Protein backbone atom coordinates (compact mmCIF):
# COMPACT_ATOMS: atom_id res chain seq x y z
CA UNK A 1 0.00 0.00 0.00
CA UNK A 2 2.85 2.43 0.83
CA UNK A 3 4.47 1.85 -2.57
CA UNK A 4 1.24 2.82 -4.33
CA UNK A 5 0.97 6.02 -2.31
CA UNK A 6 4.59 6.84 -3.13
CA UNK A 7 4.01 6.23 -6.86
CA UNK A 8 0.90 8.39 -6.85
CA UNK A 9 2.61 11.26 -5.06
CA UNK A 10 5.55 11.04 -7.48
CA UNK A 11 3.14 11.18 -10.43
CA UNK A 12 1.37 14.20 -8.97
CA UNK A 13 4.70 15.98 -8.50
CA UNK A 14 5.61 15.32 -12.15
CA UNK A 15 2.24 16.61 -13.34
CA UNK A 16 2.74 19.86 -11.43
CA UNK A 17 6.31 20.18 -12.71
CA UNK A 18 5.31 19.66 -16.35
CA UNK A 19 2.47 22.17 -16.08
CA UNK A 20 5.07 24.89 -15.56
CA UNK A 21 6.41 24.50 -19.10
CA UNK A 22 4.89 26.46 -21.96
CA UNK A 23 4.31 23.64 -24.46
CA UNK A 24 2.56 25.88 -27.01
CA UNK A 25 5.57 28.18 -27.08
CA UNK A 26 7.92 25.23 -27.44
CA UNK A 27 5.88 23.76 -30.29
CA UNK A 28 5.86 27.17 -31.99
CA UNK A 29 9.65 27.36 -31.84
CA UNK A 30 9.99 23.83 -33.24
CA UNK A 31 7.49 24.58 -36.03
CA UNK A 32 9.31 27.80 -36.98
CA UNK A 33 12.67 26.00 -37.05
CA UNK A 34 11.29 23.25 -39.31
CA UNK A 35 9.63 25.81 -41.57
CA UNK A 36 12.88 27.73 -42.03
CA UNK A 37 14.81 24.48 -42.58
CA UNK A 38 12.38 23.41 -45.32
CA UNK A 39 12.62 26.79 -47.04
CA UNK A 40 16.42 26.63 -46.95
CA UNK A 41 16.39 23.09 -48.34
CA UNK A 42 14.13 24.15 -51.23
CA UNK A 43 16.42 27.10 -51.94
CA UNK A 44 19.54 24.91 -51.94
CA UNK A 45 17.88 22.39 -54.26
CA UNK A 46 16.95 25.15 -56.70
CA UNK A 47 20.52 26.47 -56.58
CA UNK A 48 21.95 23.03 -57.34
CA UNK A 49 19.65 22.72 -60.37
CA UNK A 50 20.88 26.08 -61.67
CA UNK A 51 24.52 25.15 -61.06
CA UNK A 52 24.16 21.77 -62.79
CA UNK A 53 22.58 23.32 -65.92
PDB file of N, CA and C in Angstrom:
ATOM      1  N   UNK A   1       0.819  -1.193   0.000  1.00  0.00           N
ATOM      2  CA  UNK A   1       0.000   0.000   0.000  1.00  0.00           C
ATOM      3  C   UNK A   1       0.873   1.273   0.000  1.00  0.00           C
ATOM      4  N   UNK A   2       1.972   1.268   0.768  1.00  0.00           N
ATOM      5  CA  UNK A   2       2.849   2.432   0.826  1.00  0.00           C
ATOM      6  C   UNK A   2       3.487   2.719  -0.533  1.00  0.00           C
ATOM      7  N   UNK A   3       3.843   1.658  -1.256  1.00  0.00           N
ATOM      8  CA  UNK A   3       4.467   1.847  -2.568  1.00  0.00           C
ATOM      9  C   UNK A   3       3.500   2.533  -3.526  1.00  0.00           C
ATOM     10  N   UNK A   4       2.231   2.179  -3.483  1.00  0.00           N
ATOM     11  CA  UNK A   4       1.236   2.815  -4.334  1.00  0.00           C
ATOM     12  C   UNK A   4       1.102   4.296  -4.006  1.00  0.00           C
ATOM     13  N   UNK A   5       1.085   4.627  -2.730  1.00  0.00           N
ATOM     14  CA  UNK A   5       0.969   6.022  -2.309  1.00  0.00           C
ATOM     15  C   UNK A   5       2.199   6.805  -2.792  1.00  0.00           C
ATOM     16  N   UNK A   6       3.361   6.187  -2.696  1.00  0.00           N
ATOM     17  CA  UNK A   6       4.589   6.842  -3.128  1.00  0.00           C
ATOM     18  C   UNK A   6       4.563   7.079  -4.640  1.00  0.00           C
ATOM     19  N   UNK A   7       4.104   6.095  -5.407  1.00  0.00           N
ATOM     20  CA  UNK A   7       4.007   6.228  -6.862  1.00  0.00           C
ATOM     21  C   UNK A   7       3.034   7.330  -7.239  1.00  0.00           C
ATOM     22  N   UNK A   8       1.911   7.377  -6.553  1.00  0.00           N
ATOM     23  CA  UNK A   8       0.896   8.385  -6.852  1.00  0.00           C
ATOM     24  C   UNK A   8       1.413   9.791  -6.542  1.00  0.00           C
ATOM     25  N   UNK A   9       2.086   9.940  -5.417  1.00  0.00           N
ATOM     26  CA  UNK A   9       2.610  11.263  -5.064  1.00  0.00           C
ATOM     27  C   UNK A   9       3.714  11.685  -6.038  1.00  0.00           C
ATOM     28  N   UNK A  10       4.506  10.741  -6.494  1.00  0.00           N
ATOM     29  CA  UNK A  10       5.549  11.040  -7.478  1.00  0.00           C
ATOM     30  C   UNK A  10       4.918  11.495  -8.795  1.00  0.00           C
ATOM     31  N   UNK A  11       3.852  10.813  -9.203  1.00  0.00           N
ATOM     32  CA  UNK A  11       3.144  11.177 -10.432  1.00  0.00           C
ATOM     33  C   UNK A  11       2.561  12.584 -10.310  1.00  0.00           C
ATOM     34  N   UNK A  12       1.958  12.876  -9.184  1.00  0.00           N
ATOM     35  CA  UNK A  12       1.375  14.202  -8.968  1.00  0.00           C
ATOM     36  C   UNK A  12       2.453  15.281  -9.023  1.00  0.00           C
ATOM     37  N   UNK A  13       3.608  15.015  -8.438  1.00  0.00           N
ATOM     38  CA  UNK A  13       4.703  15.981  -8.498  1.00  0.00           C
ATOM     39  C   UNK A  13       5.143  16.240  -9.934  1.00  0.00           C
ATOM     40  N   UNK A  14       5.225  15.164 -10.752  1.00  0.00           N
ATOM     41  CA  UNK A  14       5.614  15.320 -12.154  1.00  0.00           C
ATOM     42  C   UNK A  14       4.577  16.122 -12.926  1.00  0.00           C
ATOM     43  N   UNK A  15       3.306  15.873 -12.653  1.00  0.00           N
ATOM     44  CA  UNK A  15       2.241  16.610 -13.342  1.00  0.00           C
ATOM     45  C   UNK A  15       2.370  18.100 -13.049  1.00  0.00           C
ATOM     46  N   UNK A  16       2.576  18.459 -11.792  1.00  0.00           N
ATOM     47  CA  UNK A  16       2.742  19.863 -11.433  1.00  0.00           C
ATOM     48  C   UNK A  16       3.998  20.456 -12.066  1.00  0.00           C
ATOM     49  N   UNK A  17       5.062  19.701 -12.108  1.00  0.00           N
ATOM     50  CA  UNK A  17       6.306  20.176 -12.710  1.00  0.00           C
ATOM     51  C   UNK A  17       6.127  20.439 -14.200  1.00  0.00           C
ATOM     52  N   UNK A  18       5.482  19.517 -14.900  1.00  0.00           N
ATOM     53  CA  UNK A  18       5.314  19.657 -16.348  1.00  0.00           C
ATOM     54  C   UNK A  18       4.340  20.769 -16.711  1.00  0.00           C
ATOM     55  N   UNK A  19       3.415  21.096 -15.808  1.00  0.00           N
ATOM     56  CA  UNK A  19       2.467  22.173 -16.078  1.00  0.00           C
ATOM     57  C   UNK A  19       3.167  23.530 -16.132  1.00  0.00           C
ATOM     58  N   UNK A  20       4.343  23.636 -15.563  1.00  0.00           N
ATOM     59  CA  UNK A  20       5.070  24.895 -15.560  1.00  0.00           C
ATOM     60  C   UNK A  20       5.648  25.238 -16.927  1.00  0.00           C
ATOM     61  N   UNK A  21       5.817  24.256 -17.793  1.00  0.00           N
ATOM     62  CA  UNK A  21       6.414  24.498 -19.099  1.00  0.00           C
ATOM     63  C   UNK A  21       5.366  24.990 -20.088  1.00  0.00           C
ATOM     64  N   UNK A  22       5.765  25.901 -20.936  1.00  0.00           N
ATOM     65  CA  UNK A  22       4.892  26.455 -21.963  1.00  0.00           C
ATOM     66  C   UNK A  22       5.027  25.603 -23.221  1.00  0.00           C
ATOM     67  N   UNK A  23       4.194  24.576 -23.337  1.00  0.00           N
ATOM     68  CA  UNK A  23       4.308  23.643 -24.460  1.00  0.00           C
ATOM     69  C   UNK A  23       3.924  24.300 -25.780  1.00  0.00           C
ATOM     70  N   UNK A  24       2.946  25.217 -25.772  1.00  0.00           N
ATOM     71  CA  UNK A  24       2.564  25.882 -27.015  1.00  0.00           C
ATOM     72  C   UNK A  24       3.723  26.712 -27.546  1.00  0.00           C
ATOM     73  N   UNK A  25       4.410  27.393 -26.662  1.00  0.00           N
ATOM     74  CA  UNK A  25       5.571  28.178 -27.080  1.00  0.00           C
ATOM     75  C   UNK A  25       6.669  27.295 -27.634  1.00  0.00           C
ATOM     76  N   UNK A  26       6.897  26.167 -26.985  1.00  0.00           N
ATOM     77  CA  UNK A  26       7.920  25.229 -27.435  1.00  0.00           C
ATOM     78  C   UNK A  26       7.563  24.666 -28.806  1.00  0.00           C
ATOM     79  N   UNK A  27       6.303  24.292 -28.995  1.00  0.00           N
ATOM     80  CA  UNK A  27       5.882  23.763 -30.294  1.00  0.00           C
ATOM     81  C   UNK A  27       5.986  24.826 -31.375  1.00  0.00           C
ATOM     82  N   UNK A  28       5.726  26.082 -31.032  1.00  0.00           N
ATOM     83  CA  UNK A  28       5.862  27.174 -31.992  1.00  0.00           C
ATOM     84  C   UNK A  28       7.303  27.340 -32.444  1.00  0.00           C
ATOM     85  N   UNK A  29       8.237  27.241 -31.511  1.00  0.00           N
ATOM     86  CA  UNK A  29       9.654  27.357 -31.841  1.00  0.00           C
ATOM     87  C   UNK A  29      10.085  26.206 -32.747  1.00  0.00           C
ATOM     88  N   UNK A  30       9.652  25.004 -32.428  1.00  0.00           N
ATOM     89  CA  UNK A  30       9.993  23.829 -33.244  1.00  0.00           C
ATOM     90  C   UNK A  30       9.414  23.975 -34.648  1.00  0.00           C
ATOM     91  N   UNK A  31       8.143  24.402 -34.727  1.00  0.00           N
ATOM     92  CA  UNK A  31       7.495  24.577 -36.027  1.00  0.00           C
ATOM     93  C   UNK A  31       8.243  25.613 -36.869  1.00  0.00           C
ATOM     94  N   UNK A  32       8.612  26.743 -36.260  1.00  0.00           N
ATOM     95  CA  UNK A  32       9.309  27.803 -36.976  1.00  0.00           C
ATOM     96  C   UNK A  32      10.661  27.309 -37.488  1.00  0.00           C
ATOM     97  N   UNK A  33      11.365  26.540 -36.652  1.00  0.00           N
ATOM     98  CA  UNK A  33      12.669  25.996 -37.051  1.00  0.00           C
ATOM     99  C   UNK A  33      12.514  25.061 -38.250  1.00  0.00           C
ATOM    100  N   UNK A  34      11.509  24.184 -38.201  1.00  0.00           N
ATOM    101  CA  UNK A  34      11.290  23.252 -39.307  1.00  0.00           C
ATOM    102  C   UNK A  34      10.876  23.991 -40.580  1.00  0.00           C
ATOM    103  N   UNK A  35      10.064  25.032 -40.413  1.00  0.00           N
ATOM    104  CA  UNK A  35       9.629  25.811 -41.566  1.00  0.00           C
ATOM    105  C   UNK A  35      10.818  26.479 -42.252  1.00  0.00           C
ATOM    106  N   UNK A  36      11.689  27.085 -41.472  1.00  0.00           N
ATOM    107  CA  UNK A  36      12.882  27.735 -42.026  1.00  0.00           C
ATOM    108  C   UNK A  36      13.796  26.699 -42.672  1.00  0.00           C
ATOM    109  N   UNK A  37      13.951  25.538 -42.032  1.00  0.00           N
ATOM    110  CA  UNK A  37      14.809  24.481 -42.583  1.00  0.00           C
ATOM    111  C   UNK A  37      14.285  24.000 -43.931  1.00  0.00           C
ATOM    112  N   UNK A  38      12.968  23.849 -44.051  1.00  0.00           N
ATOM    113  CA  UNK A  38      12.377  23.407 -45.322  1.00  0.00           C
ATOM    114  C   UNK A  38      12.571  24.451 -46.414  1.00  0.00           C
ATOM    115  N   UNK A  39      12.405  25.726 -46.042  1.00  0.00           N
ATOM    116  CA  UNK A  39      12.623  26.787 -47.036  1.00  0.00           C
ATOM    117  C   UNK A  39      14.074  26.812 -47.505  1.00  0.00           C
ATOM    118  N   UNK A  40      15.004  26.639 -46.591  1.00  0.00           N
ATOM    119  CA  UNK A  40      16.422  26.627 -46.950  1.00  0.00           C
ATOM    120  C   UNK A  40      16.730  25.439 -47.846  1.00  0.00           C
ATOM    121  N   UNK A  41      16.159  24.291 -47.538  1.00  0.00           N
ATOM    122  CA  UNK A  41      16.392  23.094 -48.343  1.00  0.00           C
ATOM    123  C   UNK A  41      15.867  23.290 -49.765  1.00  0.00           C
ATOM    124  N   UNK A  42      14.674  23.875 -49.900  1.00  0.00           N
ATOM    125  CA  UNK A  42      14.128  24.146 -51.229  1.00  0.00           C
ATOM    126  C   UNK A  42      15.029  25.106 -51.990  1.00  0.00           C
ATOM    127  N   UNK A  43      15.529  26.119 -51.312  1.00  0.00           N
ATOM    128  CA  UNK A  43      16.416  27.105 -51.944  1.00  0.00           C
ATOM    129  C   UNK A  43      17.716  26.433 -52.415  1.00  0.00           C
ATOM    130  N   UNK A  44      18.308  25.603 -51.573  1.00  0.00           N
ATOM    131  CA  UNK A  44      19.545  24.912 -51.943  1.00  0.00           C
ATOM    132  C   UNK A  44      19.326  23.972 -53.118  1.00  0.00           C
ATOM    133  N   UNK A  45      18.168  23.288 -53.128  1.00  0.00           N
ATOM    134  CA  UNK A  45      17.879  22.387 -54.256  1.00  0.00           C
ATOM    135  C   UNK A  45      17.746  23.182 -55.546  1.00  0.00           C
ATOM    136  N   UNK A  46      17.098  24.339 -55.491  1.00  0.00           N
ATOM    137  CA  UNK A  46      16.950  25.148 -56.703  1.00  0.00           C
ATOM    138  C   UNK A  46      18.307  25.687 -57.151  1.00  0.00           C
ATOM    139  N   UNK A  47      19.187  26.019 -56.217  1.00  0.00           N
ATOM    140  CA  UNK A  47      20.518  26.473 -56.584  1.00  0.00           C
ATOM    141  C   UNK A  47      21.315  25.354 -57.248  1.00  0.00           C
ATOM    142  N   UNK A  48      21.192  24.132 -56.745  1.00  0.00           N
ATOM    143  CA  UNK A  48      21.945  23.030 -57.343  1.00  0.00           C
ATOM    144  C   UNK A  48      21.459  22.731 -58.748  1.00  0.00           C
ATOM    145  N   UNK A  49      20.173  22.923 -59.010  1.00  0.00           N
ATOM    146  CA  UNK A  49      19.649  22.716 -60.367  1.00  0.00           C
ATOM    147  C   UNK A  49      20.226  23.764 -61.307  1.00  0.00           C
ATOM    148  N   UNK A  50      20.323  25.007 -60.859  1.00  0.00           N
ATOM    149  CA  UNK A  50      20.884  26.084 -61.670  1.00  0.00           C
ATOM    150  C   UNK A  50      22.356  25.838 -61.931  1.00  0.00           C
ATOM    151  N   UNK A  51      23.075  25.401 -60.930  1.00  0.00           N
ATOM    152  CA  UNK A  51      24.521  25.151 -61.064  1.00  0.00           C
ATOM    153  C   UNK A  51      24.786  23.981 -62.017  1.00  0.00           C
ATOM    154  N   UNK A  52      23.959  22.938 -61.940  1.00  0.00           N
ATOM    155  CA  UNK A  52      24.156  21.771 -62.788  1.00  0.00           C
ATOM    156  C   UNK A  52      23.868  22.075 -64.253  1.00  0.00           C
ATOM    157  N   UNK A  53      22.943  22.992 -64.525  1.00  0.00           N
ATOM    158  CA  UNK A  53      22.578  23.324 -65.918  1.00  0.00           C
ATOM    159  C   UNK A  53      23.522  24.322 -66.419  1.00  0.00           C
TER     160      UNK A  53
END
